[in-house]
Amino acid sequence: MDKSVSTMPRLSACALGAAFGVITALGTLIIGILAMHFKIGHAWVTLLGSVYIGYAATFKGVIVGTLWGFVDGYICGTVIAWVYNYVVIHCKCRRCHIEEVK
């Protein structure tokens, strides 16, 4: 029986989600701190605050925004990994598959 086996590596949805979550959380934290202390990036804080409920250039707002950023990044990273893995499994090109005879 011939079986086509993908040679492309699959992504860990949990690991990619966590990586995206950490990066997004750090970004929102840095932007929030810059806006709070140095008055830089208020437009970004306002923009993100329209999506991340409670995110503002205050101590509490920065903490809330950082948590929202992690959750948002985690979900986005997980979805990206799922889509990537789905495409890898269903890809029909020759480079992505080898023929295994059993």
PDB file of N, CA and C in Angstrom:
ATOM      1  N   MET A   1       0.842  -1.164   0.000  1.00  0.00           N
ATOM      2  CA  MET A   1       0.000   0.000   0.000  1.00  0.00           C
ATOM      3  C   MET A   1       0.897   1.240   0.000  1.00  0.00           C
ATOM      4  N   ASP A   2       0.622   2.179  -0.902  1.00  0.00           N
ATOM      5  CA  ASP A   2       1.387   3.423  -0.970  1.00  0.00           C
ATOM      6  C   ASP A   2       0.731   4.480  -0.105  1.00  0.00           C
ATOM      7  N   LYS A   3       1.567   5.158   0.638  1.00  0.00           N
ATOM      8  CA  LYS A   3       1.088   6.242   1.482  1.00  0.00           C
ATOM      9  C   LYS A   3       1.958   7.456   1.260  1.00  0.00           C
ATOM     10  N   SER A   4       1.354   8.624   1.127  1.00  0.00           N
ATOM     11  CA  SER A   4       2.111   9.851   0.989  1.00  0.00           C
ATOM     12  C   SER A   4       2.331  10.437   2.381  1.00  0.00           C
ATOM     13  N   VAL A   5       3.576  10.724   2.716  1.00  0.00           N
ATOM     14  CA  VAL A   5       3.917  11.237   4.038  1.00  0.00           C
ATOM     15  C   VAL A   5       4.551  12.612   3.884  1.00  0.00           C
ATOM     16  N   SER A   6       4.067  13.554   4.674  1.00  0.00           N
ATOM     17  CA  SER A   6       4.604  14.908   4.607  1.00  0.00           C
ATOM     18  C   SER A   6       6.019  14.943   5.181  1.00  0.00           C
ATOM     19  N   THR A   7       6.926  15.604   4.460  1.00  0.00           N
ATOM     20  CA  THR A   7       8.292  15.779   4.949  1.00  0.00           C
ATOM     21  C   THR A   7       8.462  17.129   5.635  1.00  0.00           C
ATOM     22  N   MET A   8       7.442  17.983   5.532  1.00  0.00           N
ATOM     23  CA  MET A   8       7.521  19.303   6.140  1.00  0.00           C
ATOM     24  C   MET A   8       7.246  19.189   7.639  1.00  0.00           C
ATOM     25  N   PRO A   9       8.017  19.889   8.452  1.00  0.00           N
ATOM     26  CA  PRO A   9       7.783  19.811   9.900  1.00  0.00           C
ATOM     27  C   PRO A   9       6.485  20.513  10.281  1.00  0.00           C
ATOM     28  N   ARG A  10       5.849  20.017  11.333  1.00  0.00           N
ATOM     29  CA  ARG A  10       4.640  20.639  11.846  1.00  0.00           C
ATOM     30  C   ARG A  10       5.010  21.540  13.021  1.00  0.00           C
ATOM     31  N   LEU A  11       4.177  22.517  13.284  1.00  0.00           N
ATOM     32  CA  LEU A  11       4.413  23.459  14.372  1.00  0.00           C
ATOM     33  C   LEU A  11       3.612  23.064  15.607  1.00  0.00           C
ATOM     34  N   SER A  12       4.182  23.323  16.761  1.00  0.00           N
ATOM     35  CA  SER A  12       3.442  23.138  18.008  1.00  0.00           C
ATOM     36  C   SER A  12       2.556  24.369  18.206  1.00  0.00           C
ATOM     37  N   ALA A  13       1.246  24.162  18.178  1.00  0.00           N
ATOM     38  CA  ALA A  13       0.317  25.277  18.312  1.00  0.00           C
ATOM     39  C   ALA A  13       0.475  25.968  19.665  1.00  0.00           C
ATOM     40  N   CYS A  14       0.677  25.198  20.716  1.00  0.00           N
ATOM     41  CA  CYS A  14       0.823  25.765  22.053  1.00  0.00           C
ATOM     42  C   CYS A  14       2.106  26.605  22.165  1.00  0.00           C
ATOM     43  N   ALA A  15       3.198  26.076  21.641  1.00  0.00           N
ATOM     44  CA  ALA A  15       4.477  26.793  21.723  1.00  0.00           C
ATOM     45  C   ALA A  15       4.454  28.072  20.892  1.00  0.00           C
ATOM     46  N   LEU A  16       3.905  27.999  19.680  1.00  0.00           N
ATOM     47  CA  LEU A  16       3.846  29.203  18.848  1.00  0.00           C
ATOM     48  C   LEU A  16       2.897  30.220  19.464  1.00  0.00           C
ATOM     49  N   GLY A  17       1.786  29.753  20.031  1.00  0.00           N
ATOM     50  CA  GLY A  17       0.867  30.655  20.707  1.00  0.00           C
ATOM     51  C   GLY A  17       1.524  31.359  21.877  1.00  0.00           C
ATOM     52  N   ALA A  18       2.276  30.609  22.673  1.00  0.00           N
ATOM     53  CA  ALA A  18       2.965  31.206  23.820  1.00  0.00           C
ATOM     54  C   ALA A  18       4.021  32.214  23.364  1.00  0.00           C
ATOM     55  N   ALA A  19       4.747  31.891  22.299  1.00  0.00           N
ATOM     56  CA  ALA A  19       5.772  32.816  21.787  1.00  0.00           C
ATOM     57  C   ALA A  19       5.126  34.111  21.299  1.00  0.00           C
ATOM     58  N   PHE A  20       4.052  33.996  20.520  1.00  0.00           N
ATOM     59  CA  PHE A  20       3.346  35.191  20.054  1.00  0.00           C
ATOM     60  C   PHE A  20       2.778  35.970  21.238  1.00  0.00           C
ATOM     61  N   GLY A  21       2.255  35.257  22.229  1.00  0.00           N
ATOM     62  CA  GLY A  21       1.689  35.913  23.401  1.00  0.00           C
ATOM     63  C   GLY A  21       2.720  36.729  24.164  1.00  0.00           C
ATOM     64  N   VAL A  22       3.890  36.154  24.365  1.00  0.00           N
ATOM     65  CA  VAL A  22       4.955  36.860  25.088  1.00  0.00           C
ATOM     66  C   VAL A  22       5.409  38.095  24.309  1.00  0.00           C
ATOM     67  N   ILE A  23       5.601  37.955  23.011  1.00  0.00           N
ATOM     68  CA  ILE A  23       6.048  39.088  22.190  1.00  0.00           C
ATOM     69  C   ILE A  23       4.999  40.201  22.185  1.00  0.00           C
ATOM     70  N   THR A  24       3.736  39.838  22.019  1.00  0.00           N
ATOM     71  CA  THR A  24       2.671  40.845  22.010  1.00  0.00           C
ATOM     72  C   THR A  24       2.541  41.512  23.376  1.00  0.00           C
ATOM     73  N   ALA A  25       2.637  40.731  24.447  1.00  0.00           N
ATOM     74  CA  ALA A  25       2.559  41.294  25.799  1.00  0.00           C
ATOM     75  C   ALA A  25       3.710  42.261  26.053  1.00  0.00           C
ATOM     76  N   LEU A  26       4.909  41.883  25.653  1.00  0.00           N
ATOM     77  CA  LEU A  26       6.058  42.784  25.826  1.00  0.00           C
ATOM     78  C   LEU A  26       5.878  44.073  25.037  1.00  0.00           C
ATOM     79  N   GLY A  27       5.356  43.947  23.830  1.00  0.00           N
ATOM     80  CA  GLY A  27       5.125  45.142  23.010  1.00  0.00           C
ATOM     81  C   GLY A  27       4.130  46.092  23.650  1.00  0.00           C
ATOM     82  N   THR A  28       3.016  45.555  24.124  1.00  0.00           N
ATOM     83  CA  THR A  28       2.020  46.419  24.758  1.00  0.00           C
ATOM     84  C   THR A  28       2.540  46.997  26.074  1.00  0.00           C
ATOM     85  N   LEU A  29       3.347  46.222  26.795  1.00  0.00           N
ATOM     86  CA  LEU A  29       3.947  46.721  28.034  1.00  0.00           C
ATOM     87  C   LEU A  29       4.895  47.885  27.751  1.00  0.00           C
ATOM     88  N   ILE A  30       5.773  47.710  26.789  1.00  0.00           N
ATOM     89  CA  ILE A  30       6.753  48.763  26.462  1.00  0.00           C
ATOM     90  C   ILE A  30       6.068  50.018  25.963  1.00  0.00           C
ATOM     91  N   ILE A  31       5.081  49.851  25.066  1.00  0.00           N
ATOM     92  CA  ILE A  31       4.365  51.022  24.545  1.00  0.00           C
ATOM     93  C   ILE A  31       3.626  51.732  25.674  1.00  0.00           C
ATOM     94  N   GLY A  32       3.007  50.959  26.561  1.00  0.00           N
ATOM     95  CA  GLY A  32       2.293  51.554  27.685  1.00  0.00           C
ATOM     96  C   GLY A  32       3.205  52.313  28.628  1.00  0.00           C
ATOM     97  N   ILE A  33       4.365  51.743  28.931  1.00  0.00           N
ATOM     98  CA  ILE A  33       5.326  52.414  29.814  1.00  0.00           C
ATOM     99  C   ILE A  33       5.854  53.692  29.165  1.00  0.00           C
ATOM    100  N   LEU A  34       6.157  53.613  27.871  1.00  0.00           N
ATOM    101  CA  LEU A  34       6.638  54.810  27.167  1.00  0.00           C
ATOM    102  C   LEU A  34       5.577  55.911  27.179  1.00  0.00           C
ATOM    103  N   ALA A  35       4.327  55.545  26.962  1.00  0.00           N
ATOM    104  CA  ALA A  35       3.258  56.536  26.966  1.00  0.00           C
ATOM    105  C   ALA A  35       3.028  57.106  28.361  1.00  0.00           C
ATOM    106  N   MET A  36       3.144  56.262  29.377  1.00  0.00           N
ATOM    107  CA  MET A  36       2.886  56.688  30.747  1.00  0.00           C
ATOM    108  C   MET A  36       3.982  57.618  31.273  1.00  0.00           C
ATOM    109  N   HIS A  37       5.234  57.263  31.026  1.00  0.00           N
ATOM    110  CA  HIS A  37       6.343  58.020  31.619  1.00  0.00           C
ATOM    111  C   HIS A  37       6.945  59.086  30.707  1.00  0.00           C
ATOM    112  N   PHE A  38       6.975  58.828  29.409  1.00  0.00           N
ATOM    113  CA  PHE A  38       7.680  59.731  28.497  1.00  0.00           C
ATOM    114  C   PHE A  38       6.768  60.400  27.474  1.00  0.00           C
ATOM    115  N   LYS A  39       5.453  60.137  27.583  1.00  0.00           N
ATOM    116  CA  LYS A  39       4.470  60.742  26.678  1.00  0.00           C
ATOM    117  C   LYS A  39       4.749  60.412  25.214  1.00  0.00           C
ATOM    118  N   ILE A  40       5.274  59.218  24.982  1.00  0.00           N
ATOM    119  CA  ILE A  40       5.559  58.737  23.623  1.00  0.00           C
ATOM    120  C   ILE A  40       4.590  57.596  23.324  1.00  0.00           C
ATOM    121  N   GLY A  41       3.956  57.632  22.177  1.00  0.00           N
ATOM    122  CA  GLY A  41       3.116  56.515  21.749  1.00  0.00           C
ATOM    123  C   GLY A  41       1.680  56.560  22.228  1.00  0.00           C
ATOM    124  N   HIS A  42       1.188  57.735  22.591  1.00  0.00           N
ATOM    125  CA  HIS A  42      -0.202  57.821  23.056  1.00  0.00           C
ATOM    126  C   HIS A  42      -1.190  57.386  21.978  1.00  0.00           C
ATOM    127  N   ALA A  43      -0.874  57.661  20.722  1.00  0.00           N
ATOM    128  CA  ALA A  43      -1.774  57.249  19.636  1.00  0.00           C
ATOM    129  C   ALA A  43      -1.894  55.722  19.586  1.00  0.00           C
ATOM    130  N   TRP A  44      -0.780  55.019  19.815  1.00  0.00           N
ATOM    131  CA  TRP A  44      -0.812  53.546  19.831  1.00  0.00           C
ATOM    132  C   TRP A  44      -1.623  53.033  21.008  1.00  0.00           C
ATOM    133  N   VAL A  45      -1.439  53.652  22.162  1.00  0.00           N
ATOM    134  CA  VAL A  45      -2.187  53.234  23.350  1.00  0.00           C
ATOM    135  C   VAL A  45      -3.681  53.464  23.130  1.00  0.00           C
ATOM    136  N   THR A  46      -4.030  54.583  22.519  1.00  0.00           N
ATOM    137  CA  THR A  46      -5.434  54.863  22.217  1.00  0.00           C
ATOM    138  C   THR A  46      -5.985  53.845  21.233  1.00  0.00           C
ATOM    139  N   LEU A  47      -5.217  53.538  20.203  1.00  0.00           N
ATOM    140  CA  LEU A  47      -5.651  52.555  19.204  1.00  0.00           C
ATOM    141  C   LEU A  47      -5.839  51.178  19.836  1.00  0.00           C
ATOM    142  N   LEU A  48      -4.836  50.719  20.579  1.00  0.00           N
ATOM    143  CA  LEU A  48      -4.949  49.415  21.233  1.00  0.00           C
ATOM    144  C   LEU A  48      -6.014  49.423  22.318  1.00  0.00           C
ATOM    145  N   GLY A  49      -6.196  50.558  22.975  1.00  0.00           N
ATOM    146  CA  GLY A  49      -7.225  50.675  24.000  1.00  0.00           C
ATOM    147  C   GLY A  49      -8.631  50.529  23.443  1.00  0.00           C
ATOM    148  N   SER A  50      -8.788  50.794  22.142  1.00  0.00           N
ATOM    149  CA  SER A  50     -10.104  50.603  21.526  1.00  0.00           C
ATOM    150  C   SER A  50     -10.403  49.124  21.313  1.00  0.00           C
ATOM    151  N   VAL A  51      -9.380  48.277  21.369  1.00  0.00           N
ATOM    152  CA  VAL A  51      -9.546  46.835  21.217  1.00  0.00           C
ATOM    153  C   VAL A  51      -9.357  46.122  22.558  1.00  0.00           C
ATOM    154  N   TYR A  52      -8.324  46.490  23.288  1.00  0.00           N
ATOM    155  CA  TYR A  52      -8.036  45.891  24.596  1.00  0.00           C
ATOM    156  C   TYR A  52      -8.733  46.721  25.665  1.00  0.00           C
ATOM    157  N   ILE A  53      -9.851  46.240  26.158  1.00  0.00           N
ATOM    158  CA  ILE A  53     -10.661  46.979  27.127  1.00  0.00           C
ATOM    159  C   ILE A  53      -9.840  47.242  28.396  1.00  0.00           C
ATOM    160  N   GLY A  54      -9.722  48.507  28.762  1.00  0.00           N
ATOM    161  CA  GLY A  54      -9.011  48.885  29.973  1.00  0.00           C
ATOM    162  C   GLY A  54      -7.571  49.317  29.751  1.00  0.00           C
ATOM    163  N   TYR A  55      -7.055  49.150  28.525  1.00  0.00           N
ATOM    164  CA  TYR A  55      -5.665  49.532  28.247  1.00  0.00           C
ATOM    165  C   TYR A  55      -5.568  51.048  28.158  1.00  0.00           C
ATOM    166  N   ALA A  56      -4.711  51.632  28.972  1.00  0.00           N
ATOM    167  CA  ALA A  56      -4.522  53.072  29.010  1.00  0.00           C
ATOM    168  C   ALA A  56      -3.111  53.365  29.512  1.00  0.00           C
ATOM    169  N   ALA A  57      -2.729  54.634  29.441  1.00  0.00           N
ATOM    170  CA  ALA A  57      -1.393  55.037  29.874  1.00  0.00           C
ATOM    171  C   ALA A  57      -1.363  55.281  31.380  1.00  0.00           C
ATOM    172  N   THR A  58      -1.842  54.306  32.139  1.00  0.00           N
ATOM    173  CA  THR A  58      -1.794  54.323  33.598  1.00  0.00           C
ATOM    174  C   THR A  58      -1.195  52.997  34.048  1.00  0.00           C
ATOM    175  N   PHE A  59      -0.804  52.912  35.317  1.00  0.00           N
ATOM    176  CA  PHE A  59      -0.210  51.668  35.799  1.00  0.00           C
ATOM    177  C   PHE A  59      -1.179  50.503  35.635  1.00  0.00           C
ATOM    178  N   LYS A  60      -2.406  50.687  36.113  1.00  0.00           N
ATOM    179  CA  LYS A  60      -3.410  49.632  35.999  1.00  0.00           C
ATOM    180  C   LYS A  60      -3.714  49.329  34.520  1.00  0.00           C
ATOM    181  N   GLY A  61      -3.818  50.368  33.712  1.00  0.00           N
ATOM    182  CA  GLY A  61      -4.113  50.189  32.291  1.00  0.00           C
ATOM    183  C   GLY A  61      -3.022  49.427  31.555  1.00  0.00           C
ATOM    184  N   VAL A  62      -1.762  49.663  31.919  1.00  0.00           N
ATOM    185  CA  VAL A  62      -0.644  48.952  31.289  1.00  0.00           C
ATOM    186  C   VAL A  62      -0.679  47.471  31.663  1.00  0.00           C
ATOM    187  N   ILE A  63      -0.987  47.174  32.915  1.00  0.00           N
ATOM    188  CA  ILE A  63      -1.087  45.765  33.343  1.00  0.00           C
ATOM    189  C   ILE A  63      -2.224  45.068  32.596  1.00  0.00           C
ATOM    190  N   VAL A  64      -3.378  45.717  32.538  1.00  0.00           N
ATOM    191  CA  VAL A  64      -4.530  45.148  31.830  1.00  0.00           C
ATOM    192  C   VAL A  64      -4.194  44.943  30.352  1.00  0.00           C
ATOM    193  N   GLY A  65      -3.576  45.935  29.729  1.00  0.00           N
ATOM    194  CA  GLY A  65      -3.208  45.837  28.312  1.00  0.00           C
ATOM    195  C   GLY A  65      -2.189  44.746  28.052  1.00  0.00           C
ATOM    196  N   THR A  66      -1.260  44.561  28.981  1.00  0.00           N
ATOM    197  CA  THR A  66      -0.261  43.499  28.838  1.00  0.00           C
ATOM    198  C   THR A  66      -0.934  42.128  28.880  1.00  0.00           C
ATOM    199  N   LEU A  67      -1.882  41.956  29.780  1.00  0.00           N
ATOM    200  CA  LEU A  67      -2.620  40.690  29.841  1.00  0.00           C
ATOM    201  C   LEU A  67      -3.438  40.461  28.570  1.00  0.00           C
ATOM    202  N   TRP A  68      -4.128  41.504  28.105  1.00  0.00           N
ATOM    203  CA  TRP A  68      -4.869  41.392  26.845  1.00  0.00           C
ATOM    204  C   TRP A  68      -3.924  41.064  25.694  1.00  0.00           C
ATOM    205  N   GLY A  69      -2.771  41.691  25.673  1.00  0.00           N
ATOM    206  CA  GLY A  69      -1.800  41.432  24.612  1.00  0.00           C
ATOM    207  C   GLY A  69      -1.351  39.983  24.600  1.00  0.00           C
ATOM    208  N   PHE A  70      -1.115  39.414  25.778  1.00  0.00           N
ATOM    209  CA  PHE A  70      -0.718  38.011  25.831  1.00  0.00           C
ATOM    210  C   PHE A  70      -1.825  37.108  25.298  1.00  0.00           C
ATOM    211  N   VAL A  71      -3.051  37.353  25.748  1.00  0.00           N
ATOM    212  CA  VAL A  71      -4.182  36.529  25.301  1.00  0.00           C
ATOM    213  C   VAL A  71      -4.367  36.652  23.784  1.00  0.00           C
ATOM    214  N   ASP A  72      -4.330  37.866  23.277  1.00  0.00           N
ATOM    215  CA  ASP A  72      -4.485  38.098  21.845  1.00  0.00           C
ATOM    216  C   ASP A  72      -3.374  37.423  21.054  1.00  0.00           C
ATOM    217  N   GLY A  73      -2.135  37.599  21.490  1.00  0.00           N
ATOM    218  CA  GLY A  73      -1.004  36.978  20.807  1.00  0.00           C
ATOM    219  C   GLY A  73      -1.066  35.467  20.857  1.00  0.00           C
ATOM    220  N   TYR A  74      -1.474  34.926  21.999  1.00  0.00           N
ATOM    221  CA  TYR A  74      -1.582  33.466  22.143  1.00  0.00           C
ATOM    222  C   TYR A  74      -2.614  32.903  21.166  1.00  0.00           C
ATOM    223  N   ILE A  75      -3.764  33.535  21.116  1.00  0.00           N
ATOM    224  CA  ILE A  75      -4.811  33.065  20.205  1.00  0.00           C
ATOM    225  C   ILE A  75      -4.348  33.166  18.755  1.00  0.00           C
ATOM    226  N   CYS A  76      -3.756  34.289  18.379  1.00  0.00           N
ATOM    227  CA  CYS A  76      -3.290  34.464  16.998  1.00  0.00           C
ATOM    228  C   CYS A  76      -2.203  33.451  16.641  1.00  0.00           C
ATOM    229  N   GLY A  77      -1.246  33.242  17.519  1.00  0.00           N
ATOM    230  CA  GLY A  77      -0.179  32.275  17.262  1.00  0.00           C
ATOM    231  C   GLY A  77      -0.701  30.859  17.137  1.00  0.00           C
ATOM    232  N   THR A  78      -1.674  30.511  17.972  1.00  0.00           N
ATOM    233  CA  THR A  78      -2.273  29.176  17.912  1.00  0.00           C
ATOM    234  C   THR A  78      -3.013  28.977  16.597  1.00  0.00           C
ATOM    235  N   VAL A  79      -3.781  29.972  16.187  1.00  0.00           N
ATOM    236  CA  VAL A  79      -4.516  29.875  14.922  1.00  0.00           C
ATOM    237  C   VAL A  79      -3.556  29.779  13.742  1.00  0.00           C
ATOM    238  N   ILE A  80      -2.488  30.554  13.764  1.00  0.00           N
ATOM    239  CA  ILE A  80      -1.492  30.488  12.689  1.00  0.00           C
ATOM    240  C   ILE A  80      -0.887  29.093  12.615  1.00  0.00           C
ATOM    241  N   ALA A  81      -0.554  28.499  13.756  1.00  0.00           N
ATOM    242  CA  ALA A  81       0.021  27.145  13.760  1.00  0.00           C
ATOM    243  C   ALA A  81      -0.980  26.124  13.233  1.00  0.00           C
ATOM    244  N   TRP A  82      -2.245  26.246  13.628  1.00  0.00           N
ATOM    245  CA  TRP A  82      -3.271  25.317  13.136  1.00  0.00           C
ATOM    246  C   TRP A  82      -3.418  25.409  11.624  1.00  0.00           C
ATOM    247  N   VAL A  83      -3.463  26.637  11.116  1.00  0.00           N
ATOM    248  CA  VAL A  83      -3.600  26.820   9.663  1.00  0.00           C
ATOM    249  C   VAL A  83      -2.370  26.267   8.951  1.00  0.00           C
ATOM    250  N   TYR A  84      -1.187  26.571   9.460  1.00  0.00           N
ATOM    251  CA  TYR A  84       0.047  26.057   8.856  1.00  0.00           C
ATOM    252  C   TYR A  84       0.044  24.528   8.827  1.00  0.00           C
ATOM    253  N   ASN A  85      -0.273  23.910   9.955  1.00  0.00           N
ATOM    254  CA  ASN A  85      -0.288  22.443  10.024  1.00  0.00           C
ATOM    255  C   ASN A  85      -1.330  21.848   9.084  1.00  0.00           C
ATOM    256  N   TYR A  86      -2.475  22.488   8.963  1.00  0.00           N
ATOM    257  CA  TYR A  86      -3.503  22.021   8.044  1.00  0.00           C
ATOM    258  C   TYR A  86      -2.994  22.077   6.600  1.00  0.00           C
ATOM    259  N   VAL A  87      -2.370  23.182   6.247  1.00  0.00           N
ATOM    260  CA  VAL A  87      -1.855  23.340   4.885  1.00  0.00           C
ATOM    261  C   VAL A  87      -0.745  22.333   4.612  1.00  0.00           C
ATOM    262  N   VAL A  88       0.140  22.110   5.573  1.00  0.00           N
ATOM    263  CA  VAL A  88       1.218  21.138   5.381  1.00  0.00           C
ATOM    264  C   VAL A  88       0.652  19.742   5.139  1.00  0.00           C
ATOM    265  N   ILE A  89      -0.349  19.361   5.898  1.00  0.00           N
ATOM    266  CA  ILE A  89      -0.943  18.031   5.748  1.00  0.00           C
ATOM    267  C   ILE A  89      -1.622  17.876   4.390  1.00  0.00           C
ATOM    268  N   HIS A  90      -2.269  18.930   3.922  1.00  0.00           N
ATOM    269  CA  HIS A  90      -3.055  18.842   2.694  1.00  0.00           C
ATOM    270  C   HIS A  90      -2.335  19.347   1.450  1.00  0.00           C
ATOM    271  N   CYS A  91      -1.085  19.724   1.573  1.00  0.00           N
ATOM    272  CA  CYS A  91      -0.319  20.208   0.429  1.00  0.00           C
ATOM    273  C   CYS A  91      -0.093  19.063  -0.562  1.00  0.00           C
ATOM    274  N   LYS A  92      -0.250  19.347  -1.840  1.00  0.00           N
ATOM    275  CA  LYS A  92      -0.130  18.308  -2.865  1.00  0.00           C
ATOM    276  C   LYS A  92       1.162  18.408  -3.680  1.00  0.00           C
ATOM    277  N   CYS A  93       2.023  19.348  -3.372  1.00  0.00           N
ATOM    278  CA  CYS A  93       3.233  19.492  -4.178  1.00  0.00           C
ATOM    279  C   CYS A  93       4.256  18.397  -3.847  1.00  0.00           C
ATOM    280  N   ARG A  94       5.120  18.113  -4.773  1.00  0.00           N
ATOM    281  CA  ARG A  94       6.110  17.031  -4.606  1.00  0.00           C
ATOM    282  C   ARG A  94       7.149  17.333  -3.535  1.00  0.00           C
ATOM    283  N   ARG A  95       7.539  18.588  -3.417  1.00  0.00           N
ATOM    284  CA  ARG A  95       8.579  18.925  -2.435  1.00  0.00           C
ATOM    285  C   ARG A  95       8.126  18.666  -1.010  1.00  0.00           C
ATOM    286  N   CYS A  96       6.833  18.731  -0.761  1.00  0.00           N
ATOM    287  CA  CYS A  96       6.327  18.563   0.594  1.00  0.00           C
ATOM    288  C   CYS A  96       6.081  17.099   0.972  1.00  0.00           C
ATOM    289  N   HIS A  97       6.176  16.188   0.011  1.00  0.00           N
ATOM    290  CA  HIS A  97       5.848  14.797   0.298  1.00  0.00           C
ATOM    291  C   HIS A  97       6.883  13.840  -0.265  1.00  0.00           C
ATOM    292  N   ILE A  98       7.004  12.717   0.396  1.00  0.00           N
ATOM    293  CA  ILE A  98       7.787  11.609  -0.118  1.00  0.00           C
ATOM    294  C   ILE A  98       6.843  10.413  -0.211  1.00  0.00           C
ATOM    295  N   GLU A  99       7.186   9.497  -1.022  1.00  0.00           N
ATOM    296  CA  GLU A  99       6.366   8.294  -1.140  1.00  0.00           C
ATOM    297  C   GLU A  99       6.960   7.227  -0.223  1.00  0.00           C
ATOM    298  N   GLU A 100       6.118   6.682   0.631  1.00  0.00           N
ATOM    299  CA  GLU A 100       6.565   5.620   1.548  1.00  0.00           C
ATOM    300  C   GLU A 100       5.790   4.357   1.175  1.00  0.00           C
ATOM    301  N   VAL A 101       6.506   3.293   0.945  1.00  0.00           N
ATOM    302  CA  VAL A 101       5.868   2.028   0.584  1.00  0.00           C
ATOM    303  C   VAL A 101       5.864   1.126   1.788  1.00  0.00           C
ATOM    304  N   LYS A 102       4.699   0.600   2.131  1.00  0.00           N
ATOM    305  CA  LYS A 102       4.582  -0.326   3.272  1.00  0.00           C
ATOM    306  C   LYS A 102       3.899  -1.576   2.822  1.00  0.00           C
TER     307      LYS A 102
END
